[in-house]
Amino acid sequence: MTLSPVWDNCPMRQTLIDLEESRIREVANAGMGRADVLAFWFGESDEVTPDFIRQAAIESLQKGETFYSHNLGLPELRDAVSDYMSALHGNIARDRIAITSGGVNALMLAVQALVDAGDEVVAVTPVWPNLTAQPLILGADLKRFSLQPDGGVWKLDLQALLAQITARTRLLILNAPNNPTGWTLTRDEQQAILAHCRRTGTWILADEVYERLYYEKSANGCAPSFLDVAEPQDKLVVVHSFSKSFLMTGWRLGWLVMPPSLTHQMGKLVEFNTSCASVFTQRAGIVALQRTDEVTPRVVAHLRHCRDTLVPLLQGVPGVSLEGAHGGMYAFFKLDGFDDSLDVAKRLVAEAGLGLAPGNAFAPEAQGWLRWCFASKDPARLGVGVDRLASWLQGVRAR
């Protein structure tokens, strides 16, 4: 069948054509289905969701709860989120909360709500590529502001960031604890950023999905949050997800915290994106929040053990530079003498049976770095992976 000239002259949006594919997926696709590959490329644990959470969804399905729910989510789940967040960050009322179909959906909804084509958006990088792709999809003018590597640690030049945020800046996007670097904002940095954005009229989109995966001492067991220093009406939207802290990546359930004046408008956007999160998934979320003490502390303790297992082993490999992350579930390390992260990641899959994410998936300035998700149910797998990396490096350098 031959298309008519009319159709030949009607391509899809150039923005979509120019959009880069996920390099993480590109590497994973090269190794999926191979039983001999140790996969650490995705940001998820290989431990299944706890049984009592799964049972809540099963019971909901058995009751026949297969219909639509409110755009903003079940009132019971919004109440549970309100209670959970209030225990961590002070009063977070239900009228500030919207339930979403995953954290990535929450991020996209926030960008859709706040950004018009041509608006200036500043994103702190390296960062999960979805956070920079979403503004581009909407036609925003994206400005990247890079953390700076110092040995194996990435650091923020706060004054330089504030200088880049002006009255022209519609939105600032931050992810802390950060995927992939493990960098975490301090309370003083959050207060300085919030005060500056109040002066410029800039919205803050804070991706805080890793806040419970925090390995430093804190009063509430969380990384510093903008919710601890902001007022309810501040131009602040915070994104959360059930994926990481509750071992629920495949459930696609998250939530937004926002000013009360934005919540109704966000409900309209939910309607035109997904309509609502599935009811049986939301029932599972309610139980997860109500019994969080049976899940999250154990997950965090286990991830700390995984981090403390992997990092010293990697530091013992010649040519590897890294430090232990303060938060998150990743070891982000530089391989001396290897400048093309994507090529290295593909070669590791093909030649060593080791699946890692390439650093340049997260930012051009992370070329030469690799991300290793250490959320492994069996930490011994991490040691086997390091042995494969060391053997591969030795072989390559001997050629």
Protein backbone atom coordinates (compact mmCIF):
# COMPACT_ATOMS: atom_id res chain seq x y z
CA MET A 1 0.00 0.00 0.00
CA THR A 2 1.37 3.40 -1.01
CA LEU A 3 0.67 6.40 1.19
CA SER A 4 -0.85 9.43 -0.45
CA PRO A 5 1.28 12.58 -0.79
CA VAL A 6 -0.82 14.15 1.98
CA TRP A 7 0.28 11.48 4.44
CA ASP A 8 3.88 11.59 3.20
CA ASN A 9 3.99 15.26 4.15
CA CYS A 10 2.54 14.77 7.65
CA PRO A 11 5.30 13.34 9.84
CA MET A 12 4.99 13.08 13.60
CA ARG A 13 6.27 15.90 15.79
CA GLN A 14 9.97 16.61 15.24
CA THR A 15 10.39 16.79 19.01
CA LEU A 16 9.49 13.10 19.26
CA ILE A 17 11.75 12.17 16.36
CA ASP A 18 14.64 14.02 18.03
CA LEU A 19 13.96 12.46 21.44
CA GLU A 20 16.74 10.11 22.45
CA GLU A 21 15.82 6.55 23.30
CA SER A 22 16.68 5.27 26.76
CA ARG A 23 20.26 4.03 26.75
CA ILE A 24 19.45 1.96 29.82
CA ARG A 25 16.84 0.08 27.83
CA GLU A 26 19.24 -0.19 24.90
CA VAL A 27 21.71 -2.07 27.08
CA ALA A 28 19.05 -4.16 28.79
CA ASN A 29 17.50 -5.15 25.47
CA ALA A 30 20.88 -6.51 24.41
CA GLY A 31 20.94 -8.89 27.37
CA MET A 32 17.34 -9.69 28.25
CA GLY A 33 16.53 -13.36 28.05
CA ARG A 34 20.12 -14.44 28.60
CA ALA A 35 20.32 -16.64 31.70
CA ASP A 36 24.06 -16.07 31.98
CA VAL A 37 23.78 -12.29 32.47
CA LEU A 38 23.81 -10.80 35.97
CA ALA A 39 21.41 -7.88 35.54
CA PHE A 40 21.92 -4.75 37.63
CA TRP A 41 20.78 -2.26 34.98
CA PHE A 42 17.28 -1.30 36.21
CA GLY A 43 16.46 0.63 39.37
CA GLU A 44 14.57 -2.09 41.17
CA SER A 45 15.14 -4.83 43.69
CA ASP A 46 14.96 -8.45 42.58
CA GLU A 47 12.89 -9.18 45.71
CA VAL A 48 9.15 -9.63 45.15
CA THR A 49 6.53 -7.46 46.82
CA PRO A 50 5.67 -8.69 50.35
CA ASP A 51 2.87 -11.24 50.41
CA PHE A 52 0.46 -9.20 52.55
CA ILE A 53 0.56 -6.39 49.98
CA ARG A 54 -0.10 -8.80 47.14
CA GLN A 55 -2.95 -10.38 49.08
CA ALA A 56 -4.66 -6.99 49.46
CA ALA A 57 -4.78 -6.68 45.67
CA ILE A 58 -6.01 -10.25 45.28
CA GLU A 59 -8.82 -9.68 47.79
CA SER A 60 -9.82 -6.50 45.97
CA LEU A 61 -10.03 -8.35 42.66
CA GLN A 62 -12.00 -11.15 44.24
CA LYS A 63 -14.49 -8.56 45.49
CA GLY A 64 -14.91 -7.37 41.92
CA GLU A 65 -13.22 -3.98 42.35
CA THR A 66 -12.42 -3.64 38.67
CA PHE A 67 -14.03 -0.26 38.00
CA TYR A 68 -12.87 3.35 37.81
CA SER A 69 -12.08 5.33 40.93
CA HIS A 70 -11.89 9.06 41.63
CA ASN A 71 -9.34 10.87 39.45
CA LEU A 72 -7.34 11.86 42.54
CA GLY A 73 -7.45 8.36 44.01
CA LEU A 74 -9.45 6.46 46.60
CA PRO A 75 -10.21 8.70 49.61
CA GLU A 76 -8.91 5.90 51.85
CA LEU A 77 -5.55 5.87 50.07
CA ARG A 78 -5.26 9.65 50.07
CA ASP A 79 -5.95 9.57 53.81
CA ALA A 80 -3.30 6.87 54.27
CA VAL A 81 -0.78 8.93 52.29
CA SER A 82 -1.68 11.99 54.35
CA ASP A 83 -1.09 10.09 57.60
CA TYR A 84 2.17 8.60 56.32
CA MET A 85 3.57 11.89 55.04
CA SER A 86 2.40 13.84 58.08
CA ALA A 87 4.27 11.45 60.37
CA LEU A 88 7.45 12.18 58.44
CA HIS A 89 7.11 15.87 57.53
CA GLY A 90 4.43 17.53 59.66
CA ASN A 91 0.86 18.13 58.56
CA ILE A 92 0.31 17.15 54.91
CA ALA A 93 -3.43 17.36 54.37
CA ARG A 94 -5.40 15.15 51.98
CA ASP A 95 -6.32 18.16 49.83
CA ARG A 96 -2.67 18.38 48.76
CA ILE A 97 -2.43 14.77 47.52
CA ALA A 98 -3.15 13.11 44.18
CA ILE A 99 -2.66 9.39 43.53
CA THR A 100 -0.94 8.56 40.24
CA SER A 101 -0.17 5.54 38.09
CA GLY A 102 3.45 5.38 39.16
CA GLY A 103 6.17 7.88 39.93
CA VAL A 104 6.95 8.55 36.28
CA ASN A 105 3.28 9.38 35.68
CA ALA A 106 3.41 11.75 38.65
CA LEU A 107 6.42 13.51 37.17
CA MET A 108 4.81 13.86 33.76
CA LEU A 109 1.60 15.19 35.27
CA ALA A 110 3.56 17.79 37.22
CA VAL A 111 5.42 18.96 34.12
CA GLN A 112 2.19 19.09 32.12
CA ALA A 113 0.60 21.17 34.86
CA LEU A 114 3.42 23.70 35.09
CA VAL A 115 5.22 24.01 31.75
CA ASP A 116 4.20 25.56 28.43
CA ALA A 117 6.14 25.25 25.19
CA GLY A 118 9.06 27.66 25.26
CA ASP A 119 9.24 27.90 29.06
CA GLU A 120 12.69 27.71 30.58
CA VAL A 121 13.23 24.60 32.71
CA VAL A 122 16.42 23.98 34.71
CA ALA A 123 17.22 20.38 35.64
CA VAL A 124 20.06 19.32 37.91
CA THR A 125 21.98 16.46 36.28
CA PRO A 126 23.10 13.68 36.07
CA VAL A 127 19.59 12.42 36.56
CA TRP A 128 17.21 9.68 35.49
CA PRO A 129 16.60 10.50 31.81
CA ASN A 130 12.80 10.75 32.13
CA LEU A 131 13.18 13.96 34.13
CA THR A 132 14.92 15.75 31.28
CA ALA A 133 12.92 14.10 28.48
CA GLN A 134 9.53 15.15 29.84
CA PRO A 135 10.08 18.94 29.52
CA LEU A 136 11.50 18.39 26.03
CA ILE A 137 8.39 16.44 24.99
CA LEU A 138 6.31 19.49 25.96
CA GLY A 139 8.54 21.84 23.98
CA ALA A 140 10.28 23.48 26.94
CA ASP A 141 13.65 25.20 26.75
CA LEU A 142 15.69 22.79 28.88
CA LYS A 143 18.81 24.00 30.66
CA ARG A 144 20.99 21.37 32.30
CA PHE A 145 22.91 22.25 35.43
CA SER A 146 25.52 19.65 36.28
CA LEU A 147 26.73 18.41 39.59
CA GLN A 148 30.53 18.28 39.55
CA PRO A 149 32.52 15.06 40.15
CA ASP A 150 35.23 15.22 42.78
CA GLY A 151 36.95 11.86 42.72
CA GLY A 152 34.06 9.43 43.11
CA VAL A 153 31.66 11.99 44.63
CA TRP A 154 29.31 14.37 42.81
CA LYS A 155 28.81 17.76 44.46
CA LEU A 156 26.53 20.77 44.00
CA ASP A 157 27.87 24.27 43.37
CA LEU A 158 24.94 25.96 45.08
CA GLN A 159 25.78 29.54 44.16
CA ALA A 160 26.23 28.63 40.51
CA LEU A 161 22.84 26.90 40.50
CA LEU A 162 21.12 29.90 42.07
CA ALA A 163 22.75 32.18 39.49
CA GLN A 164 21.22 30.09 36.69
CA ILE A 165 17.70 30.33 38.15
CA THR A 166 16.21 33.68 37.14
CA ALA A 167 12.77 35.22 36.74
CA ARG A 168 12.71 33.54 33.30
CA THR A 169 12.96 30.09 34.89
CA ARG A 170 9.52 28.53 35.09
CA LEU A 171 10.55 25.25 36.72
CA LEU A 172 13.51 23.77 38.59
CA ILE A 173 13.73 19.96 38.62
CA LEU A 174 15.69 18.25 41.39
CA ASN A 175 16.05 14.59 42.30
CA ALA A 176 17.56 13.95 45.72
CA PRO A 177 18.58 11.43 46.89
CA ASN A 178 19.75 11.27 43.35
CA ASN A 179 19.55 8.58 40.72
CA PRO A 180 22.27 7.77 39.68
CA THR A 181 24.88 9.56 41.82
CA GLY A 182 23.48 9.13 45.35
CA TRP A 183 23.96 12.87 45.92
CA THR A 184 21.62 14.31 48.54
CA LEU A 185 20.64 17.90 49.27
CA THR A 186 21.32 19.30 52.72
CA ARG A 187 18.69 21.15 54.69
CA ASP A 188 20.62 24.43 54.28
CA GLU A 189 20.78 23.94 50.50
CA GLN A 190 17.04 23.28 50.34
CA GLN A 191 16.28 26.42 52.32
CA ALA A 192 18.55 28.51 50.08
CA ILE A 193 17.00 27.08 46.90
CA LEU A 194 13.45 27.59 48.19
CA ALA A 195 14.13 31.18 49.24
CA HIS A 196 15.70 31.96 45.86
CA CYS A 197 12.82 30.38 43.92
CA ARG A 198 10.33 32.37 45.96
CA ARG A 199 12.10 35.53 44.78
CA THR A 200 12.19 34.49 41.12
CA GLY A 201 8.68 32.97 41.10
CA THR A 202 10.09 29.62 39.99
CA TRP A 203 8.27 26.35 40.65
CA ILE A 204 10.25 23.48 42.20
CA LEU A 205 9.59 19.90 41.12
CA ALA A 206 11.26 17.68 43.72
CA ASP A 207 11.58 13.99 42.91
CA GLU A 208 11.93 12.50 46.40
CA VAL A 209 11.07 8.88 45.67
CA TYR A 210 14.29 7.74 47.38
CA GLU A 211 13.81 9.72 50.59
CA ARG A 212 13.41 6.60 52.76
CA LEU A 213 16.44 4.93 51.15
CA TYR A 214 18.79 7.11 53.20
CA TYR A 215 21.84 5.85 55.06
CA GLU A 216 22.77 8.81 57.25
CA LYS A 217 21.38 9.68 60.66
CA SER A 218 18.17 11.73 60.65
CA ALA A 219 15.38 12.43 63.10
CA ASN A 220 12.65 10.94 60.91
CA GLY A 221 14.61 8.25 59.07
CA CYS A 222 14.43 10.23 55.81
CA ALA A 223 16.66 12.31 53.64
CA PRO A 224 16.04 16.07 53.92
CA SER A 225 12.81 17.01 52.15
CA PHE A 226 11.55 20.30 50.75
CA LEU A 227 8.33 19.53 52.61
CA ASP A 228 10.18 20.11 55.87
CA VAL A 229 10.97 23.73 55.00
CA ALA A 230 8.15 24.81 52.65
CA GLU A 231 4.72 26.27 53.30
CA PRO A 232 1.63 24.58 51.81
CA GLN A 233 1.11 27.35 49.24
CA ASP A 234 4.75 27.45 48.06
CA LYS A 235 5.35 26.73 44.39
CA LEU A 236 6.49 23.21 45.20
CA VAL A 237 5.40 19.84 43.83
CA VAL A 238 6.90 16.71 45.40
CA VAL A 239 6.80 13.30 43.72
CA HIS A 240 6.68 9.97 45.54
CA SER A 241 6.32 6.36 44.55
CA PHE A 242 5.56 2.99 46.10
CA SER A 243 8.21 1.43 43.87
CA LYS A 244 11.39 1.66 45.89
CA SER A 245 10.60 1.70 49.62
CA PHE A 246 7.80 -0.86 49.34
CA LEU A 247 9.24 -3.20 46.67
CA MET A 248 6.37 -2.35 44.31
CA THR A 249 8.04 -1.31 41.05
CA GLY A 250 5.68 -3.20 38.75
CA TRP A 251 2.52 -1.96 40.44
CA ARG A 252 2.78 1.54 38.94
CA LEU A 253 1.50 3.50 41.91
CA GLY A 254 2.69 6.87 43.16
CA TRP A 255 1.51 10.19 44.47
CA LEU A 256 1.98 13.94 44.26
CA VAL A 257 2.08 16.51 47.06
CA MET A 258 1.25 20.04 45.87
CA PRO A 259 -0.37 23.32 46.95
CA PRO A 260 -4.10 22.82 47.67
CA SER A 261 -4.95 25.30 44.91
CA LEU A 262 -3.39 22.98 42.32
CA THR A 263 -5.01 19.72 43.36
CA HIS A 264 -8.33 20.07 41.50
CA GLN A 265 -6.52 21.09 38.31
CA MET A 266 -4.25 18.07 38.69
CA GLY A 267 -7.34 15.87 38.85
CA LYS A 268 -8.33 17.13 35.40
CA LEU A 269 -4.92 16.17 34.04
CA VAL A 270 -5.16 12.71 35.58
CA GLU A 271 -8.48 12.26 33.76
CA PHE A 272 -6.91 13.08 30.40
CA ASN A 273 -3.83 10.90 31.00
CA THR A 274 -4.87 7.71 32.78
CA SER A 275 -8.31 8.48 34.27
CA CYS A 276 -7.23 6.91 37.58
CA ALA A 277 -4.97 4.33 39.16
CA SER A 278 -6.48 0.84 39.30
CA VAL A 279 -8.51 0.21 42.45
CA PHE A 280 -6.90 -3.13 43.35
CA THR A 281 -3.47 -1.50 43.11
CA GLN A 282 -4.62 1.29 45.40
CA ARG A 283 -5.91 -1.26 47.92
CA ALA A 284 -2.42 -2.76 47.96
CA GLY A 285 -1.00 0.72 48.52
CA ILE A 286 -3.24 1.31 51.54
CA VAL A 287 -1.99 -1.86 53.22
CA ALA A 288 1.63 -1.04 52.33
CA LEU A 289 1.35 2.34 54.06
CA GLN A 290 -0.52 0.97 57.07
CA ARG A 291 2.16 -1.70 57.59
CA THR A 292 5.18 0.27 56.41
CA ASP A 293 7.15 -0.65 59.54
CA GLU A 294 7.06 -4.26 58.37
CA VAL A 295 8.60 -3.39 55.01
CA THR A 296 10.63 -0.20 54.70
CA PRO A 297 13.03 -0.48 57.67
CA ARG A 298 14.00 -3.98 56.57
CA VAL A 299 14.43 -2.84 52.96
CA VAL A 300 16.66 0.06 54.02
CA ALA A 301 18.78 -2.13 56.31
CA HIS A 302 19.23 -4.67 53.55
CA LEU A 303 20.15 -2.02 50.98
CA ARG A 304 22.69 -0.53 53.38
CA HIS A 305 24.24 -3.99 53.68
CA CYS A 306 24.27 -4.34 49.90
CA ARG A 307 25.92 -0.93 49.50
CA ASP A 308 28.52 -1.75 52.12
CA THR A 309 29.19 -5.06 50.40
CA LEU A 310 29.54 -3.71 46.87
CA VAL A 311 31.39 -0.43 47.35
CA PRO A 312 34.57 -1.81 49.00
CA LEU A 313 34.74 -4.57 46.39
CA LEU A 314 34.50 -2.05 43.55
CA GLN A 315 37.03 0.24 45.22
CA GLY A 316 39.45 -2.69 45.15
CA VAL A 317 39.26 -2.94 41.35
CA PRO A 318 42.11 -1.01 39.68
CA GLY A 319 40.85 1.98 37.69
CA VAL A 320 37.51 2.28 39.51
CA SER A 321 36.65 5.56 41.30
CA LEU A 322 33.62 5.83 43.60
CA GLU A 323 32.38 6.55 47.10
CA GLY A 324 29.42 5.04 48.96
CA ALA A 325 26.14 6.83 48.24
CA HIS A 326 24.31 8.65 51.04
CA GLY A 327 20.98 7.58 49.59
CA GLY A 328 19.33 5.62 46.80
CA MET A 329 20.21 2.14 45.58
CA TYR A 330 23.09 2.75 43.22
CA ALA A 331 26.86 2.66 43.02
CA PHE A 332 27.92 5.21 40.41
CA PHE A 333 31.53 4.76 39.42
CA LYS A 334 34.05 5.91 36.85
CA LEU A 335 36.18 3.52 34.84
CA ASP A 336 39.54 5.13 34.05
CA GLY A 337 40.50 4.86 30.40
CA PHE A 338 36.99 4.16 29.11
CA ASP A 339 35.24 7.17 27.62
CA ASP A 340 32.20 5.62 25.91
CA SER A 341 29.83 4.42 28.64
CA LEU A 342 27.31 2.90 26.24
CA ASP A 343 29.97 0.91 24.42
CA VAL A 344 31.43 -0.35 27.69
CA ALA A 345 28.01 -1.34 29.03
CA LYS A 346 27.19 -3.27 25.86
CA ARG A 347 30.56 -4.99 25.89
CA LEU A 348 30.13 -5.99 29.52
CA VAL A 349 26.84 -7.66 28.62
CA ALA A 350 28.27 -9.44 25.59
CA GLU A 351 31.72 -10.33 26.93
CA ALA A 352 31.31 -10.59 30.71
CA GLY A 353 27.66 -11.37 31.30
CA LEU A 354 27.30 -8.24 33.44
CA GLY A 355 24.43 -5.81 33.00
CA LEU A 356 25.02 -2.21 34.12
CA ALA A 357 23.53 1.13 33.07
CA PRO A 358 25.72 3.53 31.05
CA GLY A 359 26.50 6.87 32.70
CA ASN A 360 25.76 8.90 29.59
CA ALA A 361 22.13 7.75 29.86
CA PHE A 362 21.86 10.24 32.72
CA ALA A 363 23.83 13.18 31.31
CA PRO A 364 26.57 13.90 28.76
CA GLU A 365 28.88 14.88 31.62
CA ALA A 366 28.59 11.35 33.04
CA GLN A 367 30.31 9.83 30.03
CA GLY A 368 32.79 7.25 31.28
CA TRP A 369 30.68 6.38 34.34
CA LEU A 370 28.51 3.33 35.03
CA ARG A 371 25.55 2.79 37.36
CA TRP A 372 25.19 -0.42 39.34
CA CYS A 373 21.90 -1.06 41.13
CA PHE A 374 22.87 -2.88 44.31
CA ALA A 375 19.31 -3.80 45.35
CA SER A 376 19.98 -7.54 45.27
CA LYS A 377 18.11 -10.05 47.42
CA ASP A 378 21.32 -12.12 47.52
CA PRO A 379 24.34 -9.84 48.14
CA ALA A 380 26.61 -12.66 46.98
CA ARG A 381 25.52 -11.82 43.42
CA LEU A 382 27.24 -8.47 43.84
CA GLY A 383 30.57 -10.15 44.54
CA VAL A 384 30.18 -12.39 41.50
CA GLY A 385 29.46 -9.31 39.41
CA VAL A 386 32.58 -7.52 40.66
CA ASP A 387 34.66 -10.59 39.81
CA ARG A 388 33.27 -10.49 36.27
CA LEU A 389 34.04 -6.80 35.94
CA ALA A 390 37.60 -7.23 37.26
CA SER A 391 38.27 -10.19 34.98
CA TRP A 392 36.93 -8.33 31.96
CA LEU A 393 39.04 -5.27 32.71
CA GLN A 394 42.14 -7.39 33.16
CA GLY A 395 41.53 -9.11 29.85
CA VAL A 396 40.90 -5.87 27.96
CA ARG A 397 44.00 -4.17 29.36
CA ALA A 398 46.15 -7.20 28.58
CA ARG A 399 45.35 -7.00 24.86
